[in-house]
Amino acid sequence: MKITADRDRCIGAGMCALLAPEVFDQNADDGKVRILDPAPPPAQHAMSREAEQVCPSSAITVAPDGNS
């Protein structure tokens, strides 16, 4: 799994950080998404996918890397 985020699209809702705090955080300066682990371990995959789905601005993209 590979995670990317479009910070220009992010509105700082923070749903990602609430759902998967091991993978996402919010930047202290502007509140926008910050990826802590762009290739999280399998235990974090389901929550990372859910964060992608609930992001109100569709700023998060979760893509398979061939190993997920």
PDB file of N, CA and C in Angstrom:
ATOM      1  N   MET A   1       0.830  -1.167   0.000  1.00  0.00           N
ATOM      2  CA  MET A   1       0.000   0.000   0.000  1.00  0.00           C
ATOM      3  C   MET A   1       0.880   1.237   0.000  1.00  0.00           C
ATOM      4  N   LYS A   2       0.464   2.212  -0.800  1.00  0.00           N
ATOM      5  CA  LYS A   2       1.153   3.498  -0.838  1.00  0.00           C
ATOM      6  C   LYS A   2       0.116   4.604  -0.664  1.00  0.00           C
ATOM      7  N   ILE A   3       0.384   5.520   0.254  1.00  0.00           N
ATOM      8  CA  ILE A   3      -0.544   6.602   0.549  1.00  0.00           C
ATOM      9  C   ILE A   3       0.058   7.928   0.114  1.00  0.00           C
ATOM     10  N   THR A   4      -0.760   8.719  -0.573  1.00  0.00           N
ATOM     11  CA  THR A   4      -0.367  10.080  -0.933  1.00  0.00           C
ATOM     12  C   THR A   4      -1.490  11.017  -0.507  1.00  0.00           C
ATOM     13  N   ALA A   5      -1.151  12.291  -0.375  1.00  0.00           N
ATOM     14  CA  ALA A   5      -2.144  13.293   0.009  1.00  0.00           C
ATOM     15  C   ALA A   5      -1.906  14.568  -0.784  1.00  0.00           C
ATOM     16  N   ASP A   6      -2.993  15.154  -1.225  1.00  0.00           N
ATOM     17  CA  ASP A   6      -2.956  16.428  -1.937  1.00  0.00           C
ATOM     18  C   ASP A   6      -3.228  17.532  -0.921  1.00  0.00           C
ATOM     19  N   ARG A   7      -2.164  18.153  -0.430  1.00  0.00           N
ATOM     20  CA  ARG A   7      -2.305  19.191   0.601  1.00  0.00           C
ATOM     21  C   ARG A   7      -3.034  20.425   0.076  1.00  0.00           C
ATOM     22  N   ASP A   8      -2.989  20.662  -1.225  1.00  0.00           N
ATOM     23  CA  ASP A   8      -3.728  21.797  -1.781  1.00  0.00           C
ATOM     24  C   ASP A   8      -5.235  21.560  -1.704  1.00  0.00           C
ATOM     25  N   ARG A   9      -5.633  20.316  -1.787  1.00  0.00           N
ATOM     26  CA  ARG A   9      -7.051  19.952  -1.742  1.00  0.00           C
ATOM     27  C   ARG A   9      -7.556  19.816  -0.300  1.00  0.00           C
ATOM     28  N   CYS A  10      -6.674  19.473   0.626  1.00  0.00           N
ATOM     29  CA  CYS A  10      -7.033  19.235   2.019  1.00  0.00           C
ATOM     30  C   CYS A  10      -7.666  20.481   2.648  1.00  0.00           C
ATOM     31  N   ILE A  11      -8.759  20.253   3.401  1.00  0.00           N
ATOM     32  CA  ILE A  11      -9.422  21.354   4.107  1.00  0.00           C
ATOM     33  C   ILE A  11      -9.188  21.288   5.617  1.00  0.00           C
ATOM     34  N   GLY A  12      -8.395  20.334   6.067  1.00  0.00           N
ATOM     35  CA  GLY A  12      -8.039  20.236   7.480  1.00  0.00           C
ATOM     36  C   GLY A  12      -9.134  19.703   8.386  1.00  0.00           C
ATOM     37  N   ALA A  13     -10.026  18.878   7.856  1.00  0.00           N
ATOM     38  CA  ALA A  13     -11.111  18.324   8.671  1.00  0.00           C
ATOM     39  C   ALA A  13     -10.591  17.388   9.760  1.00  0.00           C
ATOM     40  N   GLY A  14      -9.492  16.709   9.522  1.00  0.00           N
ATOM     41  CA  GLY A  14      -8.864  15.861  10.528  1.00  0.00           C
ATOM     42  C   GLY A  14      -9.427  14.464  10.676  1.00  0.00           C
ATOM     43  N   MET A  15     -10.327  14.067   9.799  1.00  0.00           N
ATOM     44  CA  MET A  15     -10.905  12.727   9.889  1.00  0.00           C
ATOM     45  C   MET A  15      -9.827  11.649   9.763  1.00  0.00           C
ATOM     46  N   CYS A  16      -8.859  11.882   8.903  1.00  0.00           N
ATOM     47  CA  CYS A  16      -7.794  10.900   8.702  1.00  0.00           C
ATOM     48  C   CYS A  16      -6.997  10.675   9.979  1.00  0.00           C
ATOM     49  N   ALA A  17      -6.644  11.769  10.645  1.00  0.00           N
ATOM     50  CA  ALA A  17      -5.858  11.666  11.878  1.00  0.00           C
ATOM     51  C   ALA A  17      -6.654  10.995  12.994  1.00  0.00           C
ATOM     52  N   LEU A  18      -7.964  11.198  13.008  1.00  0.00           N
ATOM     53  CA  LEU A  18      -8.804  10.548  14.012  1.00  0.00           C
ATOM     54  C   LEU A  18      -8.929   9.050  13.755  1.00  0.00           C
ATOM     55  N   LEU A  19      -9.058   8.662  12.488  1.00  0.00           N
ATOM     56  CA  LEU A  19      -9.243   7.250  12.134  1.00  0.00           C
ATOM     57  C   LEU A  19      -7.950   6.441  12.169  1.00  0.00           C
ATOM     58  N   ALA A  20      -6.869   7.033  11.730  1.00  0.00           N
ATOM     59  CA  ALA A  20      -5.598   6.302  11.628  1.00  0.00           C
ATOM     60  C   ALA A  20      -4.449   7.179  12.137  1.00  0.00           C
ATOM     61  N   PRO A  21      -4.382   7.407  13.440  1.00  0.00           N
ATOM     62  CA  PRO A  21      -3.361   8.309  13.992  1.00  0.00           C
ATOM     63  C   PRO A  21      -1.924   7.812  13.835  1.00  0.00           C
ATOM     64  N   GLU A  22      -1.754   6.527  13.551  1.00  0.00           N
ATOM     65  CA  GLU A  22      -0.406   6.010  13.316  1.00  0.00           C
ATOM     66  C   GLU A  22       0.069   6.336  11.902  1.00  0.00           C
ATOM     67  N   VAL A  23      -0.869   6.695  11.028  1.00  0.00           N
ATOM     68  CA  VAL A  23      -0.552   6.939   9.622  1.00  0.00           C
ATOM     69  C   VAL A  23      -0.651   8.424   9.265  1.00  0.00           C
ATOM     70  N   PHE A  24      -1.625   9.121   9.861  1.00  0.00           N
ATOM     71  CA  PHE A  24      -1.881  10.519   9.514  1.00  0.00           C
ATOM     72  C   PHE A  24      -1.800  11.426  10.735  1.00  0.00           C
ATOM     73  N   ASP A  25      -1.454  12.675  10.476  1.00  0.00           N
ATOM     74  CA  ASP A  25      -1.482  13.712  11.493  1.00  0.00           C
ATOM     75  C   ASP A  25      -1.891  14.995  10.790  1.00  0.00           C
ATOM     76  N   GLN A  26      -2.067  16.048  11.567  1.00  0.00           N
ATOM     77  CA  GLN A  26      -2.361  17.349  10.991  1.00  0.00           C
ATOM     78  C   GLN A  26      -1.189  18.272  11.265  1.00  0.00           C
ATOM     79  N   ASN A  27      -0.818  19.058  10.264  1.00  0.00           N
ATOM     80  CA  ASN A  27       0.268  20.011  10.394  1.00  0.00           C
ATOM     81  C   ASN A  27      -0.110  21.049  11.444  1.00  0.00           C
ATOM     82  N   ALA A  28       0.788  21.345  12.343  1.00  0.00           N
ATOM     83  CA  ALA A  28       0.511  22.294  13.421  1.00  0.00           C
ATOM     84  C   ALA A  28       0.285  23.715  12.906  1.00  0.00           C
ATOM     85  N   ASP A  29       0.878  24.059  11.777  1.00  0.00           N
ATOM     86  CA  ASP A  29       0.763  25.427  11.260  1.00  0.00           C
ATOM     87  C   ASP A  29      -0.552  25.691  10.533  1.00  0.00           C
ATOM     88  N   ASP A  30      -0.958  24.757   9.675  1.00  0.00           N
ATOM     89  CA  ASP A  30      -2.144  25.016   8.847  1.00  0.00           C
ATOM     90  C   ASP A  30      -3.266  23.991   9.012  1.00  0.00           C
ATOM     91  N   GLY A  31      -3.059  22.955   9.818  1.00  0.00           N
ATOM     92  CA  GLY A  31      -4.098  21.957  10.065  1.00  0.00           C
ATOM     93  C   GLY A  31      -4.290  20.944   8.956  1.00  0.00           C
ATOM     94  N   LYS A  32      -3.506  21.054   7.899  1.00  0.00           N
ATOM     95  CA  LYS A  32      -3.669  20.143   6.766  1.00  0.00           C
ATOM     96  C   LYS A  32      -2.976  18.807   7.024  1.00  0.00           C
ATOM     97  N   VAL A  33      -3.385  17.816   6.244  1.00  0.00           N
ATOM     98  CA  VAL A  33      -2.903  16.450   6.412  1.00  0.00           C
ATOM     99  C   VAL A  33      -1.381  16.362   6.320  1.00  0.00           C
ATOM    100  N   ARG A  34      -0.856  15.484   7.165  1.00  0.00           N
ATOM    101  CA  ARG A  34       0.556  15.138   7.143  1.00  0.00           C
ATOM    102  C   ARG A  34       0.621  13.628   7.233  1.00  0.00           C
ATOM    103  N   ILE A  35       1.294  13.002   6.291  1.00  0.00           N
ATOM    104  CA  ILE A  35       1.403  11.538   6.289  1.00  0.00           C
ATOM    105  C   ILE A  35       2.600  11.135   7.137  1.00  0.00           C
ATOM    106  N   LEU A  36       2.343  10.338   8.144  1.00  0.00           N
ATOM    107  CA  LEU A  36       3.406   9.848   9.014  1.00  0.00           C
ATOM    108  C   LEU A  36       4.059   8.598   8.457  1.00  0.00           C
ATOM    109  N   ASP A  37       3.263   7.776   7.775  1.00  0.00           N
ATOM    110  CA  ASP A  37       3.776   6.518   7.221  1.00  0.00           C
ATOM    111  C   ASP A  37       3.146   6.280   5.852  1.00  0.00           C
ATOM    112  N   PRO A  38       3.848   6.652   4.760  1.00  0.00           N
ATOM    113  CA  PRO A  38       3.276   6.503   3.418  1.00  0.00           C
ATOM    114  C   PRO A  38       3.151   5.056   2.945  1.00  0.00           C
ATOM    115  N   ALA A  39       3.785   4.137   3.654  1.00  0.00           N
ATOM    116  CA  ALA A  39       3.682   2.705   3.327  1.00  0.00           C
ATOM    117  C   ALA A  39       3.451   1.943   4.630  1.00  0.00           C
ATOM    118  N   PRO A  40       2.239   2.078   5.202  1.00  0.00           N
ATOM    119  CA  PRO A  40       1.988   1.492   6.518  1.00  0.00           C
ATOM    120  C   PRO A  40       1.963  -0.030   6.502  1.00  0.00           C
ATOM    121  N   PRO A  41       2.162  -0.630   7.677  1.00  0.00           N
ATOM    122  CA  PRO A  41       2.100  -2.089   7.781  1.00  0.00           C
ATOM    123  C   PRO A  41       0.662  -2.567   7.586  1.00  0.00           C
ATOM    124  N   PRO A  42       0.494  -3.837   7.279  1.00  0.00           N
ATOM    125  CA  PRO A  42      -0.845  -4.386   7.027  1.00  0.00           C
ATOM    126  C   PRO A  42      -1.867  -4.092   8.113  1.00  0.00           C
ATOM    127  N   ALA A  43      -1.457  -4.006   9.341  1.00  0.00           N
ATOM    128  CA  ALA A  43      -2.397  -3.737  10.433  1.00  0.00           C
ATOM    129  C   ALA A  43      -3.067  -2.372  10.292  1.00  0.00           C
ATOM    130  N   GLN A  44      -2.469  -1.473   9.525  1.00  0.00           N
ATOM    131  CA  GLN A  44      -3.008  -0.127   9.338  1.00  0.00           C
ATOM    132  C   GLN A  44      -3.748   0.051   8.013  1.00  0.00           C
ATOM    133  N   HIS A  45      -3.801  -0.966   7.180  1.00  0.00           N
ATOM    134  CA  HIS A  45      -4.394  -0.840   5.849  1.00  0.00           C
ATOM    135  C   HIS A  45      -5.888  -0.524   5.878  1.00  0.00           C
ATOM    136  N   ALA A  46      -6.652  -1.234   6.681  1.00  0.00           N
ATOM    137  CA  ALA A  46      -8.106  -1.023   6.699  1.00  0.00           C
ATOM    138  C   ALA A  46      -8.451   0.392   7.136  1.00  0.00           C
ATOM    139  N   MET A  47      -7.811   0.880   8.175  1.00  0.00           N
ATOM    140  CA  MET A  47      -8.109   2.229   8.654  1.00  0.00           C
ATOM    141  C   MET A  47      -7.617   3.292   7.672  1.00  0.00           C
ATOM    142  N   SER A  48      -6.531   3.013   6.979  1.00  0.00           N
ATOM    143  CA  SER A  48      -6.036   3.955   5.968  1.00  0.00           C
ATOM    144  C   SER A  48      -7.022   4.061   4.809  1.00  0.00           C
ATOM    145  N   ARG A  49      -7.572   2.923   4.401  1.00  0.00           N
ATOM    146  CA  ARG A  49      -8.582   2.932   3.331  1.00  0.00           C
ATOM    147  C   ARG A  49      -9.847   3.660   3.782  1.00  0.00           C
ATOM    148  N   GLU A  50     -10.227   3.455   5.028  1.00  0.00           N
ATOM    149  CA  GLU A  50     -11.409   4.147   5.541  1.00  0.00           C
ATOM    150  C   GLU A  50     -11.167   5.660   5.583  1.00  0.00           C
ATOM    151  N   ALA A  51      -9.967   6.070   5.979  1.00  0.00           N
ATOM    152  CA  ALA A  51      -9.632   7.497   5.992  1.00  0.00           C
ATOM    153  C   ALA A  51      -9.744   8.093   4.589  1.00  0.00           C
ATOM    154  N   GLU A  52      -9.309   7.336   3.592  1.00  0.00           N
ATOM    155  CA  GLU A  52      -9.442   7.793   2.200  1.00  0.00           C
ATOM    156  C   GLU A  52     -10.917   7.996   1.855  1.00  0.00           C
ATOM    157  N   GLN A  53     -11.755   7.069   2.250  1.00  0.00           N
ATOM    158  CA  GLN A  53     -13.178   7.126   1.914  1.00  0.00           C
ATOM    159  C   GLN A  53     -13.909   8.267   2.606  1.00  0.00           C
ATOM    160  N   VAL A  54     -13.564   8.571   3.846  1.00  0.00           N
ATOM    161  CA  VAL A  54     -14.304   9.593   4.592  1.00  0.00           C
ATOM    162  C   VAL A  54     -13.736  10.999   4.435  1.00  0.00           C
ATOM    163  N   CYS A  55     -12.600  11.141   3.800  1.00  0.00           N
ATOM    164  CA  CYS A  55     -12.008  12.468   3.616  1.00  0.00           C
ATOM    165  C   CYS A  55     -12.984  13.357   2.832  1.00  0.00           C
ATOM    166  N   PRO A  56     -13.458  14.452   3.426  1.00  0.00           N
ATOM    167  CA  PRO A  56     -14.465  15.272   2.763  1.00  0.00           C
ATOM    168  C   PRO A  56     -13.964  15.997   1.514  1.00  0.00           C
ATOM    169  N   SER A  57     -12.661  16.142   1.382  1.00  0.00           N
ATOM    170  CA  SER A  57     -12.116  16.833   0.211  1.00  0.00           C
ATOM    171  C   SER A  57     -11.441  15.884  -0.776  1.00  0.00           C
ATOM    172  N   SER A  58     -11.500  14.584  -0.503  1.00  0.00           N
ATOM    173  CA  SER A  58     -10.857  13.564  -1.360  1.00  0.00           C
ATOM    174  C   SER A  58      -9.378  13.862  -1.565  1.00  0.00           C
ATOM    175  N   ALA A  59      -8.725  14.285  -0.506  1.00  0.00           N
ATOM    176  CA  ALA A  59      -7.312  14.645  -0.584  1.00  0.00           C
ATOM    177  C   ALA A  59      -6.377  13.452  -0.432  1.00  0.00           C
ATOM    178  N   ILE A  60      -6.894  12.324   0.051  1.00  0.00           N
ATOM    179  CA  ILE A  60      -6.068  11.149   0.331  1.00  0.00           C
ATOM    180  C   ILE A  60      -6.273  10.100  -0.748  1.00  0.00           C
ATOM    181  N   THR A  61      -5.154   9.532  -1.207  1.00  0.00           N
ATOM    182  CA  THR A  61      -5.206   8.439  -2.172  1.00  0.00           C
ATOM    183  C   THR A  61      -4.453   7.253  -1.595  1.00  0.00           C
ATOM    184  N   VAL A  62      -5.122   6.109  -1.563  1.00  0.00           N
ATOM    185  CA  VAL A  62      -4.504   4.864  -1.096  1.00  0.00           C
ATOM    186  C   VAL A  62      -4.442   3.935  -2.302  1.00  0.00           C
ATOM    187  N   ALA A  63      -3.236   3.529  -2.649  1.00  0.00           N
ATOM    188  CA  ALA A  63      -3.043   2.671  -3.818  1.00  0.00           C
ATOM    189  C   ALA A  63      -2.321   1.385  -3.408  1.00  0.00           C
ATOM    190  N   PRO A  64      -2.677   0.276  -4.017  1.00  0.00           N
ATOM    191  CA  PRO A  64      -1.944  -0.964  -3.719  1.00  0.00           C
ATOM    192  C   PRO A  64      -0.534  -0.866  -4.298  1.00  0.00           C
ATOM    193  N   ASP A  65       0.395  -1.540  -3.654  1.00  0.00           N
ATOM    194  CA  ASP A  65       1.774  -1.518  -4.149  1.00  0.00           C
ATOM    195  C   ASP A  65       2.161  -2.867  -4.721  1.00  0.00           C
ATOM    196  N   GLY A  66       1.190  -3.748  -4.865  1.00  0.00           N
ATOM    197  CA  GLY A  66       1.477  -5.077  -5.381  1.00  0.00           C
ATOM    198  C   GLY A  66       1.713  -6.090  -4.278  1.00  0.00           C
ATOM    199  N   ASN A  67       1.929  -5.603  -3.048  1.00  0.00           N
ATOM    200  CA  ASN A  67       2.167  -6.487  -1.921  1.00  0.00           C
ATOM    201  C   ASN A  67       1.014  -6.481  -0.934  1.00  0.00           C
ATOM    202  N   SER A  68      -0.043  -5.694  -1.196  1.00  0.00           N
ATOM    203  CA  SER A  68      -1.148  -5.586  -0.239  1.00  0.00           C
ATOM    204  C   SER A  68      -2.307  -6.438  -0.654  1.00  0.00           C
TER     205      SER A  68
END
